[in-house]
Amino acid sequence: PPRPGITGILMSAAGLPVCLTRPPKLVLHPPPVSKSEIQSIPGISHTCRKTTKKQAKKGKTPEEVLKKYLQKVRHPPDEDCTICMERLSAPSGYKGPQPAVKPDLVGKLVKCGHVFHLHCLVAMYNNGNKDGSLQCPTCKTIYGVKTGTQPPGKMEYHIIPHALPGHSDCKTIRIIYNIPPGVQGPEHPNPGKSFTARGFPRHCYLPDSEKGRKVLKLLLVAWDRRLIFAIGTSSTTGESDTVIWNEIHHKTEFGSNLTGHGYPDINYLDNVLAELAAQGITEESLVQEKD
């Protein structure tokens, strides 16, 4: 709504009445959409995708996985290993379950060049979900394909014949996520304990523009790699052992932006592309993964 201009401010200062527009209303959902109005998205096959629990890659020891990403360092630099905080020239100070690697070996990650005790990297890998990928603890460069621990569920996506604020020139892509409650697996914070799933089905919106479709294609890769949701503690309710969003922001408010999760938001598509890239999902991923 337009704010009162300078005349409005002067009039109110003079004690004269100023007619302000009504406060904005929260618009979470689009106008009703009938089944016959829903369309599939050109260039994207199907309108629904399910994930199940993916089996972790078997057979490779953590040492074998990490070897692919490392170069040996004969003469360690005179600096700290940022994982254990001991000097790289001294043995690893890692005190947990001992990996099958000599504590004084040092390795350099090939893409980013950061140097760590091999021992520390193996311990770090063993603390993750051991999916064959590694993320540099210093600069977050990803080696291999990063996957997450999202519980099984369903993602639907289609076009509805309504425009989002700020995107009046196109229709809207609606995504519906549904994850049922269940029992945590070995990759989750409390294996064997049940987890809750609040607020599902969750409806999210993208403009049906070229860029919006690109974001959807990348979100489908993120979904297949189980990176959109995780199990943890809700930042809004404080509830633990529940399904939460995982660092890839979605717009859940259709026709207003009172919560910050709505439109118009001119930076949103670029922001979400950056968040996807931080999880290792870029345009190159689309070439690698079959639709």
C-alpha atoms as a PDB file:
ATOM      1  CA  PRO A   1       0.000   0.000   0.000  1.00  0.00           C
ATOM      2  CA  PRO A   2       1.280   3.522  -0.742  1.00  0.00           C
ATOM      3  CA  ARG A   3       2.575   5.376   2.291  1.00  0.00           C
ATOM      4  CA  PRO A   4       1.159   8.859   2.871  1.00  0.00           C
ATOM      5  CA  GLY A   5       3.182  11.348   0.815  1.00  0.00           C
ATOM      6  CA  ILE A   6       4.623  14.606   2.074  1.00  0.00           C
ATOM      7  CA  THR A   7       1.208  16.324   1.900  1.00  0.00           C
ATOM      8  CA  GLY A   8      -0.231  13.575   4.058  1.00  0.00           C
ATOM      9  CA  ILE A   9       2.517  14.040   6.623  1.00  0.00           C
ATOM     10  CA  LEU A  10       1.984  17.858   6.652  1.00  0.00           C
ATOM     11  CA  MET A  11      -1.787  17.436   6.955  1.00  0.00           C
ATOM     12  CA  SER A  12      -1.519  15.024   9.839  1.00  0.00           C
ATOM     13  CA  ALA A  13       0.970  17.350  11.517  1.00  0.00           C
ATOM     14  CA  ALA A  14      -1.671  20.055  11.120  1.00  0.00           C
ATOM     15  CA  GLY A  15      -4.159  17.766  12.848  1.00  0.00           C
ATOM     16  CA  LEU A  16      -6.191  17.193   9.693  1.00  0.00           C
ATOM     17  CA  PRO A  17      -7.544  13.661   9.049  1.00  0.00           C
ATOM     18  CA  VAL A  18      -5.499  11.440   6.748  1.00  0.00           C
ATOM     19  CA  CYS A  19      -7.129   8.487   5.047  1.00  0.00           C
ATOM     20  CA  LEU A  20      -4.648   5.614   5.253  1.00  0.00           C
ATOM     21  CA  THR A  21      -5.152   2.404   3.318  1.00  0.00           C
ATOM     22  CA  ARG A  22      -6.204  -0.622   5.355  1.00  0.00           C
ATOM     23  CA  PRO A  23      -3.376  -2.701   6.829  1.00  0.00           C
ATOM     24  CA  PRO A  24      -2.269  -5.449   4.444  1.00  0.00           C
ATOM     25  CA  LYS A  25      -3.966  -8.831   4.779  1.00  0.00           C
ATOM     26  CA  LEU A  26      -2.165 -12.156   4.989  1.00  0.00           C
ATOM     27  CA  VAL A  27      -2.858 -14.159   1.808  1.00  0.00           C
ATOM     28  CA  LEU A  28      -1.467 -17.655   2.291  1.00  0.00           C
ATOM     29  CA  HIS A  29      -3.334 -19.474  -0.480  1.00  0.00           C
ATOM     30  CA  PRO A  30      -4.302 -18.732  -4.086  1.00  0.00           C
ATOM     31  CA  PRO A  31      -7.986 -18.493  -5.070  1.00  0.00           C
ATOM     32  CA  PRO A  32      -9.544 -21.976  -5.363  1.00  0.00           C
ATOM     33  CA  VAL A  33      -8.163 -24.060  -8.232  1.00  0.00           C
ATOM     34  CA  SER A  34     -10.208 -26.863  -9.770  1.00  0.00           C
ATOM     35  CA  LYS A  35      -8.552 -30.112 -10.907  1.00  0.00           C
ATOM     36  CA  SER A  36      -9.204 -29.249 -14.548  1.00  0.00           C
ATOM     37  CA  GLU A  37      -7.260 -25.959 -14.235  1.00  0.00           C
ATOM     38  CA  ILE A  38      -4.056 -27.652 -13.038  1.00  0.00           C
ATOM     39  CA  GLN A  39      -1.451 -28.168 -15.783  1.00  0.00           C
ATOM     40  CA  SER A  40       1.795 -30.079 -15.877  1.00  0.00           C
ATOM     41  CA  ILE A  41       4.951 -28.053 -16.464  1.00  0.00           C
ATOM     42  CA  PRO A  42       6.384 -28.105 -19.997  1.00  0.00           C
ATOM     43  CA  GLY A  43       9.863 -29.617 -20.068  1.00  0.00           C
ATOM     44  CA  ILE A  44       9.411 -31.434 -16.757  1.00  0.00           C
ATOM     45  CA  SER A  45       8.117 -34.979 -16.801  1.00  0.00           C
ATOM     46  CA  HIS A  46       5.509 -36.196 -14.286  1.00  0.00           C
ATOM     47  CA  THR A  47       3.814 -34.058 -11.641  1.00  0.00           C
ATOM     48  CA  CYS A  48       4.806 -36.036  -8.577  1.00  0.00           C
ATOM     49  CA  ARG A  49       7.965 -37.545  -7.157  1.00  0.00           C
ATOM     50  CA  LYS A  50       8.369 -39.849  -4.160  1.00  0.00           C
ATOM     51  CA  THR A  51      11.514 -40.510  -2.193  1.00  0.00           C
ATOM     52  CA  THR A  52      12.227 -43.611  -0.255  1.00  0.00           C
ATOM     53  CA  LYS A  53      15.193 -44.363   1.925  1.00  0.00           C
ATOM     54  CA  LYS A  54      18.225 -44.572  -0.340  1.00  0.00           C
ATOM     55  CA  GLN A  55      20.806 -47.181   0.523  1.00  0.00           C
ATOM     56  CA  ALA A  56      24.179 -45.701   1.352  1.00  0.00           C
ATOM     57  CA  LYS A  57      26.911 -46.757  -1.065  1.00  0.00           C
ATOM     58  CA  LYS A  58      28.367 -49.970   0.285  1.00  0.00           C
ATOM     59  CA  GLY A  59      31.834 -51.413   0.118  1.00  0.00           C
ATOM     60  CA  LYS A  60      34.052 -48.354   0.288  1.00  0.00           C
ATOM     61  CA  THR A  61      35.862 -47.609   3.530  1.00  0.00           C
ATOM     62  CA  PRO A  62      35.988 -43.939   4.607  1.00  0.00           C
ATOM     63  CA  GLU A  63      39.721 -44.009   3.875  1.00  0.00           C
ATOM     64  CA  GLU A  64      39.058 -45.134   0.277  1.00  0.00           C
ATOM     65  CA  VAL A  65      36.403 -42.434  -0.200  1.00  0.00           C
ATOM     66  CA  LEU A  66      38.639 -39.626   1.073  1.00  0.00           C
ATOM     67  CA  LYS A  67      41.686 -40.762  -0.882  1.00  0.00           C
ATOM     68  CA  LYS A  68      39.939 -39.652  -4.116  1.00  0.00           C
ATOM     69  CA  TYR A  69      39.727 -36.060  -2.863  1.00  0.00           C
ATOM     70  CA  LEU A  70      43.175 -35.690  -1.291  1.00  0.00           C
ATOM     71  CA  GLN A  71      46.818 -35.197  -2.140  1.00  0.00           C
ATOM     72  CA  LYS A  72      49.493 -36.305   0.327  1.00  0.00           C
ATOM     73  CA  VAL A  73      51.429 -33.524   2.005  1.00  0.00           C
ATOM     74  CA  ARG A  74      55.021 -34.532   2.778  1.00  0.00           C
ATOM     75  CA  HIS A  75      55.985 -31.375   4.678  1.00  0.00           C
ATOM     76  CA  PRO A  76      52.969 -30.026   6.598  1.00  0.00           C
ATOM     77  CA  PRO A  77      52.706 -26.208   6.774  1.00  0.00           C
ATOM     78  CA  ASP A  78      53.312 -24.585  10.155  1.00  0.00           C
ATOM     79  CA  GLU A  79      49.659 -23.993  10.956  1.00  0.00           C
ATOM     80  CA  ASP A  80      46.789 -25.522  12.901  1.00  0.00           C
ATOM     81  CA  CYS A  81      44.473 -28.253  11.660  1.00  0.00           C
ATOM     82  CA  THR A  82      41.137 -26.426  11.972  1.00  0.00           C
ATOM     83  CA  ILE A  83      39.383 -29.672  12.954  1.00  0.00           C
ATOM     84  CA  CYS A  84      41.427 -30.661  16.043  1.00  0.00           C
ATOM     85  CA  MET A  85      43.259 -27.325  16.550  1.00  0.00           C
ATOM     86  CA  GLU A  86      46.649 -29.059  16.950  1.00  0.00           C
ATOM     87  CA  ARG A  87      49.583 -28.131  14.710  1.00  0.00           C
ATOM     88  CA  LEU A  88      49.603 -29.980  11.367  1.00  0.00           C
ATOM     89  CA  SER A  89      53.240 -30.843  12.093  1.00  0.00           C
ATOM     90  CA  ALA A  90      52.117 -32.664  15.267  1.00  0.00           C
ATOM     91  CA  PRO A  91      49.866 -35.762  15.407  1.00  0.00           C
ATOM     92  CA  SER A  92      46.093 -35.289  15.304  1.00  0.00           C
ATOM     93  CA  GLY A  93      44.514 -34.340  18.619  1.00  0.00           C
ATOM     94  CA  TYR A  94      41.215 -36.057  17.778  1.00  0.00           C
ATOM     95  CA  LYS A  95      40.110 -38.007  20.879  1.00  0.00           C
ATOM     96  CA  GLY A  96      37.054 -39.938  19.657  1.00  0.00           C
ATOM     97  CA  PRO A  97      36.877 -43.473  18.194  1.00  0.00           C
ATOM     98  CA  GLN A  98      40.213 -43.870  16.433  1.00  0.00           C
ATOM     99  CA  PRO A  99      40.133 -44.175  12.617  1.00  0.00           C
ATOM    100  CA  ALA A 100      42.450 -46.673  10.892  1.00  0.00           C
ATOM    101  CA  VAL A 101      44.798 -43.891   9.759  1.00  0.00           C
ATOM    102  CA  LYS A 102      48.106 -42.861  11.290  1.00  0.00           C
ATOM    103  CA  PRO A 103      47.473 -39.715  13.369  1.00  0.00           C
ATOM    104  CA  ASP A 104      50.405 -37.820  11.847  1.00  0.00           C
ATOM    105  CA  LEU A 105      49.410 -38.127   8.172  1.00  0.00           C
ATOM    106  CA  VAL A 106      48.381 -34.847   6.540  1.00  0.00           C
ATOM    107  CA  GLY A 107      46.334 -34.368   3.338  1.00  0.00           C
ATOM    108  CA  LYS A 108      45.374 -31.463   1.104  1.00  0.00           C
ATOM    109  CA  LEU A 109      41.924 -31.290  -0.519  1.00  0.00           C
ATOM    110  CA  VAL A 110      42.483 -31.140  -4.289  1.00  0.00           C
ATOM    111  CA  LYS A 111      39.951 -28.449  -5.320  1.00  0.00           C
ATOM    112  CA  CYS A 112      40.227 -25.909  -2.516  1.00  0.00           C
ATOM    113  CA  GLY A 113      43.734 -26.660  -1.227  1.00  0.00           C
ATOM    114  CA  HIS A 114      42.885 -26.690   2.503  1.00  0.00           C
ATOM    115  CA  VAL A 115      45.091 -28.967   4.599  1.00  0.00           C
ATOM    116  CA  PHE A 116      44.047 -31.246   7.495  1.00  0.00           C
ATOM    117  CA  HIS A 117      45.147 -34.317   9.418  1.00  0.00           C
ATOM    118  CA  LEU A 118      43.853 -37.319   7.482  1.00  0.00           C
ATOM    119  CA  HIS A 119      42.829 -38.751  10.833  1.00  0.00           C
ATOM    120  CA  CYS A 120      40.585 -35.723  11.517  1.00  0.00           C
ATOM    121  CA  LEU A 121      38.953 -35.844   8.067  1.00  0.00           C
ATOM    122  CA  VAL A 122      38.132 -39.541   8.464  1.00  0.00           C
ATOM    123  CA  ALA A 123      36.642 -38.882  11.910  1.00  0.00           C
ATOM    124  CA  MET A 124      34.583 -36.006  10.487  1.00  0.00           C
ATOM    125  CA  TYR A 125      33.385 -38.194   7.592  1.00  0.00           C
ATOM    126  CA  ASN A 126      32.366 -40.944  10.030  1.00  0.00           C
ATOM    127  CA  ASN A 127      30.303 -38.426  12.000  1.00  0.00           C
ATOM    128  CA  GLY A 128      28.312 -37.452   8.886  1.00  0.00           C
ATOM    129  CA  ASN A 129      25.909 -39.568   6.845  1.00  0.00           C
ATOM    130  CA  LYS A 130      28.763 -41.361   5.040  1.00  0.00           C
ATOM    131  CA  ASP A 131      27.286 -40.890   1.561  1.00  0.00           C
ATOM    132  CA  GLY A 132      30.561 -40.819  -0.374  1.00  0.00           C
ATOM    133  CA  SER A 133      30.777 -37.011  -0.277  1.00  0.00           C
ATOM    134  CA  LEU A 134      32.851 -34.647   1.825  1.00  0.00           C
ATOM    135  CA  GLN A 135      32.462 -30.946   2.535  1.00  0.00           C
ATOM    136  CA  CYS A 136      35.575 -28.918   3.380  1.00  0.00           C
ATOM    137  CA  PRO A 137      35.096 -27.679   6.971  1.00  0.00           C
ATOM    138  CA  THR A 138      36.933 -24.437   6.159  1.00  0.00           C
ATOM    139  CA  CYS A 139      35.343 -23.212   2.904  1.00  0.00           C
ATOM    140  CA  LYS A 140      32.391 -25.621   2.405  1.00  0.00           C
ATOM    141  CA  THR A 141      33.602 -26.827  -1.030  1.00  0.00           C
ATOM    142  CA  ILE A 142      31.778 -30.080  -1.808  1.00  0.00           C
ATOM    143  CA  TYR A 143      33.588 -33.218  -3.014  1.00  0.00           C
ATOM    144  CA  GLY A 144      31.404 -35.918  -4.543  1.00  0.00           C
ATOM    145  CA  VAL A 145      27.589 -35.643  -4.423  1.00  0.00           C
ATOM    146  CA  LYS A 146      26.209 -34.318  -1.155  1.00  0.00           C
ATOM    147  CA  THR A 147      23.037 -36.052   0.018  1.00  0.00           C
ATOM    148  CA  GLY A 148      20.892 -35.468   3.077  1.00  0.00           C
ATOM    149  CA  THR A 149      18.750 -37.390   5.521  1.00  0.00           C
ATOM    150  CA  GLN A 150      15.254 -36.202   4.561  1.00  0.00           C
ATOM    151  CA  PRO A 151      12.673 -38.818   5.587  1.00  0.00           C
ATOM    152  CA  PRO A 152      10.519 -40.514   2.900  1.00  0.00           C
ATOM    153  CA  GLY A 153       7.708 -38.459   1.367  1.00  0.00           C
ATOM    154  CA  LYS A 154       6.089 -37.041  -1.727  1.00  0.00           C
ATOM    155  CA  MET A 155       6.609 -33.849  -3.772  1.00  0.00           C
ATOM    156  CA  GLU A 156       3.931 -32.693  -6.229  1.00  0.00           C
ATOM    157  CA  TYR A 157       4.386 -29.815  -8.697  1.00  0.00           C
ATOM    158  CA  HIS A 158       2.130 -28.246 -11.299  1.00  0.00           C
ATOM    159  CA  ILE A 159       0.959 -24.937 -12.770  1.00  0.00           C
ATOM    160  CA  ILE A 160      -2.039 -23.063 -11.393  1.00  0.00           C
ATOM    161  CA  PRO A 161      -3.706 -20.235 -13.390  1.00  0.00           C
ATOM    162  CA  HIS A 162      -2.974 -17.389 -10.946  1.00  0.00           C
ATOM    163  CA  ALA A 163      -0.165 -14.826 -10.860  1.00  0.00           C
ATOM    164  CA  LEU A 164       2.073 -14.042  -7.894  1.00  0.00           C
ATOM    165  CA  PRO A 165       2.544 -10.420  -6.760  1.00  0.00           C
ATOM    166  CA  GLY A 166       5.534  -9.069  -8.686  1.00  0.00           C
ATOM    167  CA  HIS A 167       5.113 -11.727 -11.413  1.00  0.00           C
ATOM    168  CA  SER A 168       1.903 -10.575 -13.095  1.00  0.00           C
ATOM    169  CA  ASP A 169       3.159 -11.701 -16.516  1.00  0.00           C
ATOM    170  CA  CYS A 170       3.051 -15.448 -15.793  1.00  0.00           C
ATOM    171  CA  LYS A 171       1.159 -18.197 -14.034  1.00  0.00           C
ATOM    172  CA  THR A 172       2.377 -19.880 -10.851  1.00  0.00           C
ATOM    173  CA  ILE A 173       4.144 -23.148 -10.086  1.00  0.00           C
ATOM    174  CA  ARG A 174       2.710 -24.749  -6.970  1.00  0.00           C
ATOM    175  CA  ILE A 175       4.771 -27.330  -5.085  1.00  0.00           C
ATOM    176  CA  ILE A 176       3.113 -29.501  -2.456  1.00  0.00           C
ATOM    177  CA  TYR A 177       5.388 -31.393  -0.066  1.00  0.00           C
ATOM    178  CA  ASN A 178       4.011 -34.171   2.078  1.00  0.00           C
ATOM    179  CA  ILE A 179       6.077 -36.051   4.644  1.00  0.00           C
ATOM    180  CA  PRO A 180       4.341 -38.330   7.145  1.00  0.00           C
ATOM    181  CA  PRO A 181       5.600 -38.838  10.713  1.00  0.00           C
ATOM    182  CA  GLY A 182       7.665 -41.982  11.257  1.00  0.00           C
ATOM    183  CA  VAL A 183      10.606 -43.546  13.019  1.00  0.00           C
ATOM    184  CA  GLN A 184      14.136 -42.164  12.769  1.00  0.00           C
ATOM    185  CA  GLY A 185      16.713 -44.204  10.874  1.00  0.00           C
ATOM    186  CA  PRO A 186      20.414 -44.687  11.672  1.00  0.00           C
ATOM    187  CA  GLU A 187      21.249 -41.429   9.840  1.00  0.00           C
ATOM    188  CA  HIS A 188      18.975 -39.309  12.091  1.00  0.00           C
ATOM    189  CA  PRO A 189      19.654 -37.572  15.448  1.00  0.00           C
ATOM    190  CA  ASN A 190      17.861 -40.219  17.579  1.00  0.00           C
ATOM    191  CA  PRO A 191      17.680 -43.541  15.688  1.00  0.00           C
ATOM    192  CA  GLY A 192      14.691 -45.691  16.634  1.00  0.00           C
ATOM    193  CA  LYS A 193      12.817 -42.760  18.186  1.00  0.00           C
ATOM    194  CA  SER A 194       9.691 -41.506  16.435  1.00  0.00           C
ATOM    195  CA  PHE A 195       9.610 -38.115  14.719  1.00  0.00           C
ATOM    196  CA  THR A 196       6.707 -35.709  14.145  1.00  0.00           C
ATOM    197  CA  ALA A 197       5.853 -33.900  10.906  1.00  0.00           C
ATOM    198  CA  ARG A 198       3.906 -30.665  11.490  1.00  0.00           C
ATOM    199  CA  GLY A 199       2.203 -28.439   8.929  1.00  0.00           C
ATOM    200  CA  PHE A 200       2.110 -30.930   6.048  1.00  0.00           C
ATOM    201  CA  PRO A 201       1.080 -30.844   3.269  1.00  0.00           C
ATOM    202  CA  ARG A 202       3.199 -27.690   2.805  1.00  0.00           C
ATOM    203  CA  HIS A 203       2.309 -25.516  -0.219  1.00  0.00           C
ATOM    204  CA  CYS A 204       5.078 -23.467  -1.858  1.00  0.00           C
ATOM    205  CA  TYR A 205       5.074 -21.128  -4.844  1.00  0.00           C
ATOM    206  CA  LEU A 206       7.371 -20.121  -7.709  1.00  0.00           C
ATOM    207  CA  PRO A 207       6.636 -17.933 -10.727  1.00  0.00           C
ATOM    208  CA  ASP A 208       6.183 -20.021 -13.899  1.00  0.00           C
ATOM    209  CA  SER A 209       8.937 -18.043 -15.617  1.00  0.00           C
ATOM    210  CA  GLU A 210      12.101 -19.397 -17.191  1.00  0.00           C
ATOM    211  CA  LYS A 211      13.996 -18.769 -13.959  1.00  0.00           C
ATOM    212  CA  GLY A 212      11.171 -20.201 -11.815  1.00  0.00           C
ATOM    213  CA  ARG A 213      11.191 -23.422 -13.848  1.00  0.00           C
ATOM    214  CA  LYS A 214      14.961 -23.645 -13.469  1.00  0.00           C
ATOM    215  CA  VAL A 215      14.592 -23.353  -9.682  1.00  0.00           C
ATOM    216  CA  LEU A 216      11.952 -26.102  -9.754  1.00  0.00           C
ATOM    217  CA  LYS A 217      14.264 -28.416 -11.742  1.00  0.00           C
ATOM    218  CA  LEU A 218      17.016 -27.834  -9.184  1.00  0.00           C
ATOM    219  CA  LEU A 219      14.578 -28.375  -6.287  1.00  0.00           C
ATOM    220  CA  LEU A 220      13.709 -31.744  -7.839  1.00  0.00           C
ATOM    221  CA  VAL A 221      17.414 -32.672  -7.725  1.00  0.00           C
ATOM    222  CA  ALA A 222      17.539 -31.479  -4.086  1.00  0.00           C
ATOM    223  CA  TRP A 223      14.468 -33.606  -3.323  1.00  0.00           C
ATOM    224  CA  ASP A 224      16.007 -36.706  -4.915  1.00  0.00           C
ATOM    225  CA  ARG A 225      19.188 -36.098  -2.909  1.00  0.00           C
ATOM    226  CA  ARG A 226      17.081 -35.741   0.275  1.00  0.00           C
ATOM    227  CA  LEU A 227      18.253 -32.187   1.020  1.00  0.00           C
ATOM    228  CA  ILE A 228      15.024 -30.152   1.346  1.00  0.00           C
ATOM    229  CA  PHE A 229      13.966 -31.339   4.808  1.00  0.00           C
ATOM    230  CA  ALA A 230      15.798 -32.814   7.762  1.00  0.00           C
ATOM    231  CA  ILE A 231      14.904 -34.055  11.236  1.00  0.00           C
ATOM    232  CA  GLY A 232      15.891 -31.719  14.035  1.00  0.00           C
ATOM    233  CA  THR A 233      14.632 -29.034  16.415  1.00  0.00           C
ATOM    234  CA  SER A 234      12.122 -26.500  15.084  1.00  0.00           C
ATOM    235  CA  SER A 235      13.393 -22.925  15.305  1.00  0.00           C
ATOM    236  CA  THR A 236       9.810 -21.648  15.570  1.00  0.00           C
ATOM    237  CA  THR A 237       8.300 -24.014  18.159  1.00  0.00           C
ATOM    238  CA  GLY A 238      11.392 -25.485  19.850  1.00  0.00           C
ATOM    239  CA  GLU A 239      10.003 -28.985  19.306  1.00  0.00           C
ATOM    240  CA  SER A 240      12.723 -31.606  18.838  1.00  0.00           C
ATOM    241  CA  ASP A 241      12.647 -34.787  16.694  1.00  0.00           C
ATOM    242  CA  THR A 242      10.480 -33.114  14.073  1.00  0.00           C
ATOM    243  CA  VAL A 243      10.709 -32.474  10.318  1.00  0.00           C
ATOM    244  CA  ILE A 244      12.286 -29.054   9.613  1.00  0.00           C
ATOM    245  CA  TRP A 245      13.325 -27.064   6.526  1.00  0.00           C
ATOM    246  CA  ASN A 246      16.985 -27.544   5.620  1.00  0.00           C
ATOM    247  CA  GLU A 247      18.685 -24.314   4.424  1.00  0.00           C
ATOM    248  CA  ILE A 248      16.851 -23.998   1.081  1.00  0.00           C
ATOM    249  CA  HIS A 249      14.227 -21.287   1.566  1.00  0.00           C
ATOM    250  CA  HIS A 250      10.742 -21.689   0.132  1.00  0.00           C
ATOM    251  CA  LYS A 251       7.890 -19.235  -0.335  1.00  0.00           C
ATOM    252  CA  THR A 252       4.811 -20.534   1.509  1.00  0.00           C
ATOM    253  CA  GLU A 253       2.761 -17.325   1.335  1.00  0.00           C
ATOM    254  CA  PHE A 254       0.965 -16.859  -1.981  1.00  0.00           C
ATOM    255  CA  GLY A 255      -0.411 -13.341  -2.202  1.00  0.00           C
ATOM    256  CA  SER A 256       1.322 -11.215   0.439  1.00  0.00           C
ATOM    257  CA  ASN A 257       4.688 -10.994   2.134  1.00  0.00           C
ATOM    258  CA  LEU A 258       3.834 -10.412   5.788  1.00  0.00           C
ATOM    259  CA  THR A 259       5.829 -13.368   7.084  1.00  0.00           C
ATOM    260  CA  GLY A 260       8.782 -12.752   4.751  1.00  0.00           C
ATOM    261  CA  HIS A 261       7.936 -16.077   3.087  1.00  0.00           C
ATOM    262  CA  GLY A 262       5.905 -14.532   0.288  1.00  0.00           C
ATOM    263  CA  TYR A 263       5.853 -12.264  -2.764  1.00  0.00           C
ATOM    264  CA  PRO A 264       6.810  -9.756  -4.060  1.00  0.00           C
ATOM    265  CA  ASP A 265      10.496 -10.451  -3.351  1.00  0.00           C
ATOM    266  CA  ILE A 266      12.747  -9.514  -6.260  1.00  0.00           C
ATOM    267  CA  ASN A 267      15.815 -11.262  -4.821  1.00  0.00           C
ATOM    268  CA  TYR A 268      14.162 -14.580  -3.972  1.00  0.00           C
ATOM    269  CA  LEU A 269      14.992 -16.615  -7.082  1.00  0.00           C
ATOM    270  CA  ASP A 270      18.658 -15.552  -6.989  1.00  0.00           C
ATOM    271  CA  ASN A 271      18.854 -16.247  -3.251  1.00  0.00           C
ATOM    272  CA  VAL A 272      17.417 -19.737  -3.594  1.00  0.00           C
ATOM    273  CA  LEU A 273      19.774 -20.487  -6.516  1.00  0.00           C
ATOM    274  CA  ALA A 274      22.671 -19.525  -4.208  1.00  0.00           C
ATOM    275  CA  GLU A 275      21.299 -21.747  -1.421  1.00  0.00           C
ATOM    276  CA  LEU A 276      20.976 -24.663  -3.847  1.00  0.00           C
ATOM    277  CA  ALA A 277      24.554 -24.086  -5.063  1.00  0.00           C
ATOM    278  CA  ALA A 278      25.746 -24.203  -1.430  1.00  0.00           C
ATOM    279  CA  GLN A 279      24.275 -27.735  -1.306  1.00  0.00           C
ATOM    280  CA  GLY A 280      26.156 -28.652  -4.500  1.00  0.00           C
ATOM    281  CA  ILE A 281      23.166 -28.223  -6.830  1.00  0.00           C
ATOM    282  CA  THR A 282      23.815 -26.108  -9.946  1.00  0.00           C
ATOM    283  CA  GLU A 283      22.936 -26.224 -13.634  1.00  0.00           C
ATOM    284  CA  GLU A 284      25.651 -28.878 -14.081  1.00  0.00           C
ATOM    285  CA  SER A 285      23.606 -31.134 -11.773  1.00  0.00           C
ATOM    286  CA  LEU A 286      20.732 -31.023 -14.264  1.00  0.00           C
ATOM    287  CA  VAL A 287      22.986 -32.441 -16.979  1.00  0.00           C
ATOM    288  CA  GLN A 288      24.187 -35.219 -14.647  1.00  0.00           C
ATOM    289  CA  GLU A 289      20.774 -36.285 -13.387  1.00  0.00           C
ATOM    290  CA  LYS A 290      18.199 -37.702 -15.745  1.00  0.00           C
ATOM    291  CA  ASP A 291      14.812 -36.016 -15.363  1.00  0.00           C
END
